């Protein structure tokens, strides 16, 4: 009887435990992306040059200095996993279809953007202001 009660309680707890693990995986991926943002901001200050975070099919890369060569493919700092999409929305861009590139300047200012993520673990959206160090979480919804 005690074994049956224990199995029943374990069966009831499993869905909530898997939800907690899914939320933690989603938060970890958000943390990985925020680390790239902090790295870009620090690199811009240290190098005293503009740093551009660029979106590619395989992931996100980072470039320092002049944007003379649009075909340059920098080393990836955030690789996309299978079935994962990370979209950049340049909310202050003054054109209809801006490039998938985010600028960080040595002064500590960055272009304000929104970043949307969708992956196997769920979705999140972040809003990054020009001067505020931490993003606003717009949505975070584990699957």
Protein backbone atom coordinates (compact mmCIF):
# COMPACT_ATOMS: atom_id res chain seq x y z
CA UNK A 1 0.00 0.00 0.00
CA UNK A 2 2.79 2.44 0.94
CA UNK A 3 4.55 1.71 -2.35
CA UNK A 4 1.36 2.47 -4.30
CA UNK A 5 0.92 5.79 -2.49
CA UNK A 6 4.57 6.66 -3.14
CA UNK A 7 4.22 5.86 -6.87
CA UNK A 8 1.04 7.91 -7.07
CA UNK A 9 2.73 10.92 -5.47
CA UNK A 10 5.74 10.54 -7.76
CA UNK A 11 3.42 10.43 -10.79
CA UNK A 12 1.75 13.64 -9.68
CA UNK A 13 5.07 15.43 -9.11
CA UNK A 14 6.71 14.50 -12.44
CA UNK A 15 4.94 17.07 -14.67
CA UNK A 16 5.82 19.94 -12.36
CA UNK A 17 9.45 18.74 -12.09
CA UNK A 18 9.82 18.54 -15.87
CA UNK A 19 8.38 22.06 -16.13
CA UNK A 20 10.99 23.34 -13.67
CA UNK A 21 13.78 21.71 -15.69
CA UNK A 22 12.42 23.18 -18.94
CA UNK A 23 12.27 26.66 -17.40
CA UNK A 24 15.84 26.33 -16.12
CA UNK A 25 17.10 25.28 -19.59
CA UNK A 26 15.32 28.30 -21.09
CA UNK A 27 16.84 30.63 -18.47
CA UNK A 28 20.28 29.14 -19.14
CA UNK A 29 19.99 29.89 -22.85
CA UNK A 30 18.85 33.43 -22.06
CA UNK A 31 21.89 33.77 -19.81
CA UNK A 32 24.16 32.56 -22.63
CA UNK A 33 22.79 35.30 -24.89
CA UNK A 34 23.10 37.99 -22.21
CA UNK A 35 26.76 36.96 -21.76
CA UNK A 36 27.36 37.75 -25.44
CA UNK A 37 25.80 41.19 -24.94
CA UNK A 38 28.04 41.89 -21.93
CA UNK A 39 31.07 40.66 -23.89
CA UNK A 40 30.28 43.00 -26.81
CA UNK A 41 29.85 46.00 -24.52
CA UNK A 42 33.11 45.27 -22.68
CA UNK A 43 34.99 44.74 -25.96
CA UNK A 44 33.74 48.07 -27.33
CA UNK A 45 34.98 49.90 -24.22
CA UNK A 46 38.32 48.08 -24.09
CA UNK A 47 39.12 48.36 -27.80
CA UNK A 48 37.71 51.89 -28.09
CA UNK A 49 36.06 50.84 -31.34
CA UNK A 50 32.55 50.00 -32.46
CA UNK A 51 31.61 46.36 -31.97
CA UNK A 52 28.95 44.83 -34.22
CA UNK A 53 27.04 41.72 -33.23
CA UNK A 54 25.91 40.09 -36.49
CA UNK A 55 23.33 37.39 -37.16
CA UNK A 56 24.19 34.52 -39.53
CA UNK A 57 22.42 31.29 -40.43
CA UNK A 58 24.61 29.27 -38.03
CA UNK A 59 24.66 31.72 -35.14
CA UNK A 60 25.80 35.13 -33.94
CA UNK A 61 29.26 36.57 -34.56
CA UNK A 62 31.08 39.64 -33.31
CA UNK A 63 33.17 42.16 -35.32
CA UNK A 64 35.37 44.99 -34.08
CA UNK A 65 36.11 48.18 -36.01
CA UNK A 66 35.08 49.35 -39.48
CA UNK A 67 32.31 47.57 -41.38
CA UNK A 68 34.04 47.84 -44.75
CA UNK A 69 33.70 44.18 -45.73
CA UNK A 70 30.06 43.03 -45.59
CA UNK A 71 31.19 39.49 -46.55
CA UNK A 72 33.37 39.15 -43.47
CA UNK A 73 32.19 36.26 -41.31
CA UNK A 74 33.50 36.64 -37.75
CA UNK A 75 33.92 33.75 -35.35
CA UNK A 76 30.60 32.72 -33.86
CA UNK A 77 30.09 33.60 -30.19
CA UNK A 78 26.57 32.15 -29.93
CA UNK A 79 25.86 29.10 -32.08
CA UNK A 80 22.26 28.23 -32.86
CA UNK A 81 21.16 24.79 -31.77
CA UNK A 82 18.90 22.53 -33.78
CA UNK A 83 15.37 23.97 -34.11
CA UNK A 84 16.42 27.25 -32.50
CA UNK A 85 15.67 30.72 -33.88
CA UNK A 86 16.99 34.01 -32.50
CA UNK A 87 15.56 37.11 -34.18
CA UNK A 88 16.88 40.67 -33.92
CA UNK A 89 14.43 43.58 -34.10
CA UNK A 90 16.13 46.95 -34.51
CA UNK A 91 13.37 49.10 -33.05
CA UNK A 92 15.12 52.43 -33.73
CA UNK A 93 16.20 51.65 -37.32
CA UNK A 94 15.08 54.19 -39.88
CA UNK A 95 14.63 51.72 -42.73
CA UNK A 96 12.07 49.07 -43.61
CA UNK A 97 14.38 46.02 -43.57
CA UNK A 98 17.49 46.81 -41.53
CA UNK A 99 20.46 44.43 -41.54
CA UNK A 100 20.71 41.85 -38.78
CA UNK A 101 23.50 43.72 -37.04
CA UNK A 102 23.59 45.30 -33.58
CA UNK A 103 26.05 48.10 -32.75
CA UNK A 104 27.86 48.72 -29.46
CA UNK A 105 29.92 51.92 -29.13
CA UNK A 106 32.97 52.64 -26.92
CA UNK A 107 30.98 55.26 -24.99
CA UNK A 108 28.89 52.45 -23.46
CA UNK A 109 25.85 53.17 -25.61
CA UNK A 110 24.31 50.44 -27.74
CA UNK A 111 21.54 50.49 -30.29
CA UNK A 112 18.18 49.72 -28.61
CA UNK A 113 16.82 46.39 -29.85
CA UNK A 114 14.46 43.56 -29.06
CA UNK A 115 15.61 39.96 -29.33
CA UNK A 116 13.16 37.07 -29.71
CA UNK A 117 14.16 33.45 -29.06
CA UNK A 118 12.29 30.25 -29.90
CA UNK A 119 13.70 26.81 -29.20
CA UNK A 120 12.80 23.34 -28.02
CA UNK A 121 12.51 24.58 -24.43
CA UNK A 122 10.16 27.49 -25.13
CA UNK A 123 10.34 31.18 -26.03
CA UNK A 124 11.66 34.42 -24.58
CA UNK A 125 11.85 38.02 -25.71
CA UNK A 126 14.18 40.65 -24.32
CA UNK A 127 14.25 44.44 -24.77
CA UNK A 128 17.69 46.06 -24.56
CA UNK A 129 17.78 49.82 -24.03
CA UNK A 130 20.57 52.11 -25.18
CA UNK A 131 21.99 52.80 -21.70
CA UNK A 132 20.38 50.33 -19.30
CA UNK A 133 22.77 47.44 -18.55
CA UNK A 134 20.13 44.75 -18.00
CA UNK A 135 17.37 43.88 -20.45
CA UNK A 136 13.65 43.90 -19.77
CA UNK A 137 12.08 40.46 -20.12
CA UNK A 138 9.05 40.88 -22.34
CA UNK A 139 8.05 37.19 -22.47
CA UNK A 140 9.44 33.96 -21.04
CA UNK A 141 7.34 30.89 -21.64
CA UNK A 142 8.74 27.36 -21.25
CA UNK A 143 7.09 24.56 -23.20
